[in-house]
Amino acid sequence: MSERLAADGIVMNFAGLRALDQVSLSLGRHEIVGLIGPNGSGKTTLVNVLAGALKPNAGSVRIDGEDVTAFPPRRIARHGLVRTFQTVRLFGTMSVFENVQLGALGAGLRRSKATTIANELIELFEIEDLRDVSSDALSYGQKRIVEILRSLATGCKYLLLDEPAAGLNEEESEHLLGQLTSIPEKFGCGLLIIDHDMNLIMRLCHRLHVLNQGKTIAEGTADEIRANPTVVEAYLGSQATAGADAAANPTAANPTAANHTVTERS
């Protein structure tokens, strides 16, 4: 059985508007794939279909070969697919440890096992000093990390991250980049990431999938996408040069250009 998250020929209509038109995408358990495109291109709609929040008008979603297209989100999560949202959704009055532990408890693990997993994740991501801190007291970047840890505590095989770098400053974005890079190898968990921060996306992702007006217009490595004239015209523009410079020499790149982030929504 192939261990992949696979969407095939997804069509999604809203009141006569075709939001997704025959979109196919795949994600392996040791991959990081970036999903990019201009405002309104269908990125978040696709993630909602993958996670079961929307049922497509046509096409299928499979997890490790099993058709989960008609499954509700909770059942899809039990099959190993978890997602985060554009806005952080932590339990503010609970500590970092309790939030992470809750991810494992929600996956049906016993409290003793959930406690062990939460402690291991907190140690692995080097945030032991935040273990007992209320989530309300965290910086925005710290909240993002805790949200990702809570997702990993479920034991997910595929994690969909919707704009994880949104609202982060340059230092926080760099820290997030380092943390995300290691996830597929350490956890056997594939990442599908929507983000408008081309500095982060170009350096982080093994492959990129580009949407425009609900259709796939390109797929490939960061270098291939930067060189694709259709993508440059539709979305990247001058970001292609900035992203290339940052990927080639991130420490020497102009900080303003390297951290350029499109502010459009998905």
Protein backbone atom coordinates (compact mmCIF):
# COMPACT_ATOMS: atom_id res chain seq x y z
CA MET A 1 0.00 0.00 0.00
CA SER A 2 1.33 3.41 -0.96
CA GLU A 3 1.65 5.73 2.03
CA ARG A 4 0.40 8.95 0.50
CA LEU A 5 -2.28 11.55 0.87
CA ALA A 6 -3.73 11.88 -2.62
CA ALA A 7 -6.41 14.14 -4.10
CA ASP A 8 -7.51 13.26 -7.61
CA GLY A 9 -9.57 15.46 -9.95
CA ILE A 10 -11.13 17.60 -7.22
CA VAL A 11 -13.99 19.83 -8.36
CA MET A 12 -15.62 22.23 -5.88
CA ASN A 13 -18.47 24.54 -6.79
CA PHE A 14 -20.03 27.31 -4.70
CA ALA A 15 -23.34 28.72 -5.99
CA GLY A 16 -22.29 28.29 -9.59
CA LEU A 17 -18.69 29.44 -9.02
CA ARG A 18 -16.04 26.79 -9.65
CA ALA A 19 -13.54 27.20 -6.81
CA LEU A 20 -11.51 24.10 -7.73
CA ASP A 21 -11.34 22.67 -11.24
CA GLN A 22 -9.88 19.16 -11.62
CA VAL A 23 -7.13 19.66 -9.03
CA SER A 24 -4.90 16.69 -8.20
CA LEU A 25 -2.24 16.73 -5.49
CA SER A 26 -0.22 14.18 -3.53
CA LEU A 27 1.87 14.22 -0.35
CA GLY A 28 4.19 11.52 0.95
CA ARG A 29 4.96 10.94 4.62
CA HIS A 30 8.52 12.20 4.28
CA GLU A 31 7.74 15.24 2.14
CA ILE A 32 7.10 18.92 2.64
CA VAL A 33 4.90 20.33 -0.12
CA GLY A 34 4.05 24.00 -0.46
CA LEU A 35 0.64 25.04 -1.75
CA ILE A 36 0.87 28.57 -3.16
CA GLY A 37 -1.04 30.95 -5.38
CA PRO A 38 -2.69 34.36 -5.41
CA ASN A 39 -5.65 35.49 -3.36
CA GLY A 40 -8.77 33.47 -4.15
CA SER A 41 -6.90 30.73 -6.01
CA GLY A 42 -8.51 27.92 -3.99
CA LYS A 43 -5.75 26.94 -1.55
CA THR A 44 -7.78 26.94 1.66
CA THR A 45 -10.73 25.40 -0.18
CA LEU A 46 -8.50 22.49 -1.20
CA VAL A 47 -7.26 22.04 2.37
CA ASN A 48 -10.88 22.04 3.58
CA VAL A 49 -11.69 19.29 1.07
CA LEU A 50 -8.67 17.23 2.13
CA ALA A 51 -9.60 17.57 5.81
CA GLY A 52 -13.24 16.67 5.24
CA ALA A 53 -14.77 20.08 6.03
CA LEU A 54 -16.04 20.30 2.45
CA LYS A 55 -17.30 17.49 0.22
CA PRO A 56 -16.21 17.95 -3.41
CA ASN A 57 -18.64 17.88 -6.30
CA ALA A 58 -16.29 15.49 -8.08
CA GLY A 59 -12.99 13.76 -7.47
CA SER A 60 -11.62 11.74 -4.58
CA VAL A 61 -9.35 11.99 -1.54
CA ARG A 62 -7.36 8.95 -0.44
CA ILE A 63 -5.21 8.34 2.62
CA ASP A 64 -2.77 5.47 2.15
CA GLY A 65 -4.96 4.10 -0.62
CA GLU A 66 -8.28 4.29 1.25
CA ASP A 67 -11.00 6.52 -0.16
CA VAL A 68 -11.95 9.02 2.58
CA THR A 69 -13.81 11.52 0.39
CA ALA A 70 -17.11 11.07 2.20
CA PHE A 71 -15.63 10.85 5.72
CA PRO A 72 -16.35 13.59 8.28
CA PRO A 73 -13.35 15.53 9.66
CA ARG A 74 -13.18 13.53 12.90
CA ARG A 75 -12.96 10.24 11.02
CA ILE A 76 -10.36 11.63 8.64
CA ALA A 77 -8.31 12.73 11.67
CA ARG A 78 -8.45 9.15 12.98
CA HIS A 79 -6.97 8.07 9.66
CA GLY A 80 -3.97 10.30 10.31
CA LEU A 81 -4.73 13.66 8.67
CA VAL A 82 -4.76 16.74 10.91
CA ARG A 83 -4.89 20.42 10.01
CA THR A 84 -4.30 23.81 11.60
CA PHE A 85 -6.06 27.05 10.72
CA GLN A 86 -5.08 30.58 9.70
CA THR A 87 -5.83 31.76 13.22
CA VAL A 88 -4.29 30.00 16.23
CA ARG A 89 -6.79 27.89 18.18
CA LEU A 90 -5.31 27.08 21.58
CA PHE A 91 -7.10 26.74 24.90
CA GLY A 92 -5.89 29.99 26.41
CA THR A 93 -6.37 29.21 30.10
CA MET A 94 -4.56 25.88 29.77
CA SER A 95 -0.79 25.53 29.99
CA VAL A 96 1.47 24.62 27.08
CA PHE A 97 1.79 21.10 28.48
CA GLU A 98 -1.98 20.71 28.83
CA ASN A 99 -2.59 21.92 25.26
CA VAL A 100 -0.08 19.45 23.82
CA GLN A 101 -1.32 16.63 26.05
CA LEU A 102 -4.85 17.32 24.84
CA GLY A 103 -3.82 16.46 21.29
CA ALA A 104 -2.82 12.96 22.38
CA LEU A 105 -5.88 12.54 24.59
CA GLY A 106 -8.11 13.57 21.70
CA ALA A 107 -6.52 10.81 19.61
CA GLY A 108 -7.73 8.29 22.18
CA LEU A 109 -4.49 7.68 24.10
CA ARG A 110 -4.48 7.02 27.83
CA ARG A 111 -3.47 9.86 30.08
CA SER A 112 -0.12 8.29 31.04
CA LYS A 113 0.86 7.85 27.39
CA ALA A 114 -0.44 11.32 26.49
CA THR A 115 1.67 12.79 29.30
CA THR A 116 4.78 11.03 28.02
CA ILE A 117 4.20 12.21 24.45
CA ALA A 118 3.57 15.81 25.53
CA ASN A 119 6.75 15.91 27.62
CA GLU A 120 8.80 14.38 24.81
CA LEU A 121 7.54 16.88 22.23
CA ILE A 122 8.13 19.84 24.53
CA GLU A 123 11.68 18.64 25.16
CA LEU A 124 12.36 17.85 21.51
CA PHE A 125 11.26 21.33 20.41
CA GLU A 126 13.24 22.89 23.28
CA ILE A 127 10.42 24.80 24.95
CA GLU A 128 10.73 23.27 28.43
CA ASP A 129 10.78 26.78 29.90
CA LEU A 130 7.24 27.27 28.57
CA ARG A 131 5.85 23.95 29.81
CA ASP A 132 3.70 25.38 32.60
CA VAL A 133 3.03 28.78 31.04
CA SER A 134 -0.58 29.66 30.22
CA SER A 135 -1.16 29.76 26.47
CA ASP A 136 -2.64 33.24 26.83
CA ALA A 137 0.77 34.48 27.97
CA LEU A 138 2.67 33.22 24.91
CA SER A 139 3.91 35.29 22.00
CA TYR A 140 2.20 34.69 18.66
CA GLY A 141 5.17 32.71 17.37
CA GLN A 142 5.21 30.52 20.48
CA LYS A 143 1.50 29.84 20.07
CA ARG A 144 2.12 28.65 16.53
CA ILE A 145 4.73 26.16 17.74
CA VAL A 146 2.43 24.86 20.49
CA GLU A 147 -0.38 24.41 17.98
CA ILE A 148 1.92 22.33 15.77
CA LEU A 149 3.04 20.24 18.77
CA ARG A 150 -0.57 19.58 19.73
CA SER A 151 -1.18 18.32 16.20
CA LEU A 152 1.90 16.08 16.25
CA ALA A 153 0.77 14.65 19.61
CA THR A 154 -2.13 13.01 17.78
CA GLY A 155 0.36 10.79 15.94
CA CYS A 156 -0.78 12.19 12.59
CA LYS A 157 0.75 10.99 9.35
CA TYR A 158 -0.14 14.11 7.36
CA LEU A 159 -0.28 17.64 8.75
CA LEU A 160 -1.86 20.50 6.81
CA LEU A 161 -0.65 23.93 7.95
CA ASP A 162 -2.65 26.96 6.84
CA GLU A 163 -0.37 30.03 6.94
CA PRO A 164 1.82 28.99 9.91
CA ALA A 165 4.13 31.99 9.40
CA ALA A 166 1.34 34.59 9.24
CA GLY A 167 1.96 37.34 11.77
CA LEU A 168 5.47 36.19 12.66
CA ASN A 169 8.46 38.51 12.71
CA GLU A 170 11.70 37.58 10.93
CA GLU A 171 13.26 35.87 13.96
CA GLU A 172 10.10 33.85 14.68
CA SER A 173 9.82 32.85 11.03
CA GLU A 174 13.41 31.58 11.01
CA HIS A 175 12.76 29.57 14.17
CA LEU A 176 9.63 28.08 12.64
CA LEU A 177 11.55 27.15 9.50
CA GLY A 178 14.06 25.19 11.55
CA GLN A 179 11.36 23.37 13.48
CA LEU A 180 9.28 22.43 10.45
CA THR A 181 12.24 21.16 8.43
CA SER A 182 12.83 18.26 10.82
CA ILE A 183 9.24 17.00 11.13
CA PRO A 184 9.04 14.56 8.18
CA GLU A 185 12.26 12.80 9.20
CA LYS A 186 11.63 12.76 12.95
CA PHE A 187 7.95 11.89 12.89
CA GLY A 188 7.30 10.30 9.49
CA CYS A 189 4.73 13.03 8.98
CA GLY A 190 4.23 14.75 5.64
CA LEU A 191 3.57 18.50 5.66
CA LEU A 192 1.36 20.42 3.27
CA ILE A 193 1.89 24.14 3.86
CA ILE A 194 -0.03 27.17 2.65
CA ASP A 195 1.90 30.37 3.15
CA HIS A 196 2.56 33.66 1.39
CA ASP A 197 6.07 33.99 2.87
CA MET A 198 8.13 33.02 -0.18
CA ASN A 199 11.37 33.16 1.76
CA LEU A 200 10.10 30.39 4.04
CA ILE A 201 8.30 28.39 1.35
CA MET A 202 11.17 28.36 -1.15
CA ARG A 203 13.68 27.22 1.47
CA LEU A 204 11.45 24.73 3.28
CA CYS A 205 9.52 22.76 0.67
CA HIS A 206 10.67 19.80 -1.39
CA ARG A 207 7.98 20.50 -3.98
CA LEU A 208 5.56 23.30 -4.73
CA HIS A 209 2.02 23.09 -6.11
CA VAL A 210 0.68 26.32 -7.60
CA LEU A 211 -3.01 27.19 -7.95
CA ASN A 212 -4.56 30.07 -9.85
CA GLN A 213 -8.30 30.61 -10.29
CA GLY A 214 -9.00 27.13 -8.98
CA LYS A 215 -6.68 25.33 -11.39
CA THR A 216 -3.22 23.84 -11.06
CA ILE A 217 -0.84 25.93 -13.16
CA ALA A 218 2.47 24.35 -12.10
CA GLU A 219 4.16 21.74 -9.92
CA GLY A 220 7.84 21.26 -9.23
CA THR A 221 10.85 22.18 -7.14
CA ALA A 222 11.44 25.72 -5.91
CA ASP A 223 13.90 26.35 -8.75
CA GLU A 224 11.44 25.07 -11.35
CA ILE A 225 8.61 27.20 -9.96
CA ARG A 226 10.76 30.35 -9.83
CA ALA A 227 11.67 29.82 -13.49
CA ASN A 228 8.11 29.16 -14.63
CA PRO A 229 6.86 32.24 -16.53
CA THR A 230 3.20 31.39 -15.93
CA VAL A 231 3.75 31.33 -12.15
CA VAL A 232 5.83 34.49 -12.20
CA GLU A 233 3.11 36.32 -14.11
CA ALA A 234 0.24 34.98 -12.00
CA TYR A 235 1.77 35.21 -8.55
CA LEU A 236 5.47 35.48 -7.84
CA GLY A 237 6.50 38.60 -9.74
CA SER A 238 9.55 40.13 -8.07
CA GLN A 239 9.29 37.59 -5.22
CA ALA A 240 10.96 35.04 -7.49
CA THR A 241 14.23 36.97 -7.39
CA ALA A 242 14.02 37.65 -3.66
CA GLY A 243 13.25 34.02 -2.92
CA ALA A 244 16.11 32.80 -5.08
CA ASP A 245 18.57 35.14 -3.36
CA ALA A 246 17.37 34.06 0.09
CA ALA A 247 17.57 30.36 -0.77
CA ALA A 248 21.09 30.72 -2.17
CA ASN A 249 22.46 32.84 0.69
CA PRO A 250 19.87 33.40 3.44
CA THR A 251 22.28 35.04 5.91
CA ALA A 252 23.49 37.60 3.39
CA ALA A 253 20.18 38.37 1.74
CA ASN A 254 18.64 41.79 2.16
CA PRO A 255 16.46 41.35 5.28
CA THR A 256 13.62 43.42 3.90
CA ALA A 257 13.49 41.64 0.55
CA ALA A 258 14.15 38.19 2.01
CA ASN A 259 11.31 38.49 4.50
CA HIS A 260 8.85 39.93 1.97
CA THR A 261 5.42 38.45 2.60
CA VAL A 262 2.33 38.81 0.47
CA THR A 263 -0.57 39.91 2.65
CA GLU A 264 -3.39 38.47 0.53
CA ARG A 265 -5.59 35.77 1.98
CA SER A 266 -6.07 32.30 0.55
